[in-house]
Amino acid sequence: MPASLLSTLTATPLFAVGLTLAAFLLGSALFNRLKKPSWLPAILIAALLLAATLAVFGVPYATYQQGAAWLTILLGPATVALGMPLYQQLPRIRELWRPLVVCLPIAAMLAASYALLIGWLMGSSQHILASIAAKSVTAPIAIGITEQLGGSVALLMGALLLTGVVTIPFVSFCAKLLNIDDERIIGFALGLNGHAIGTVRAFELSPTAGAFASLGMSLTGILTALLLPLAWRLIGIAG
């Protein structure tokens, strides 16, 4: 693509926003055409299409990111909007508040710890570890955490996508292996580990699973935002 035409197209956010929406719509259509495979969610198809388009037309990622920042702003309100299904399922949530309170801190800690342990064993730098530490947290919160730790937001977004995609078949496999058919438990596990991608999958299962996924995603984000930066500083001091 000629540099002059590229500069003209990317002069406003419309190019990045339009390209993103087109990739998502096409990804959703392909996802439905493939009969909704759990291992290949629409968002992954859209991300691959978008990456391929940027590579073919020679659009730098930094240029695309600058234009797509308008979409990033919508992540916050979209996350807050998940409070509605939580309110609708409040009686069911109250029934399980004790086991939820017990398992949430443990699960949230493990979600961050195993990624850091694997990265550390593979000899990853502190910059990479800081970039993947919040990979199980919903994007609006994870971005803030990663910036606090000094990591790369671009690397974080890749880790978020990979985590969400892997979580869906893994939770499904574990549920079958352990004979778990309670939608509340499955939904909570999808939201806690797979953030927004897992939550979308949970809503495809049922409103109840979606509400518990929203709960798991929200509480994991809050708990991680409060404790992970503190733990990171303490580890740094001890090191």
Foldseek 3Di string as FASTA:
>chain_A
DDPVVLCVQLVALCNLVVLLVVLLVVLQVVCVVVVNDLLRHSVNSSVVVSVVVCVVVVPDPVSSCVSCVVVVVVQVVVLVVLVVLLVVCVVVCVVCVVVCVVVLVVLLVVLQVVVLVVCVVVPHDQQLSLLQNCLQARLVLSVVSSVLSNHDSVSSVVSLVVFLSVQRVVLVVVCVVVVPDPLLVSLLSQLQRNPPSSLVVSVVVDSNSNSSSSVNNVVSSVVCSVPVSVVSVVVVVVD
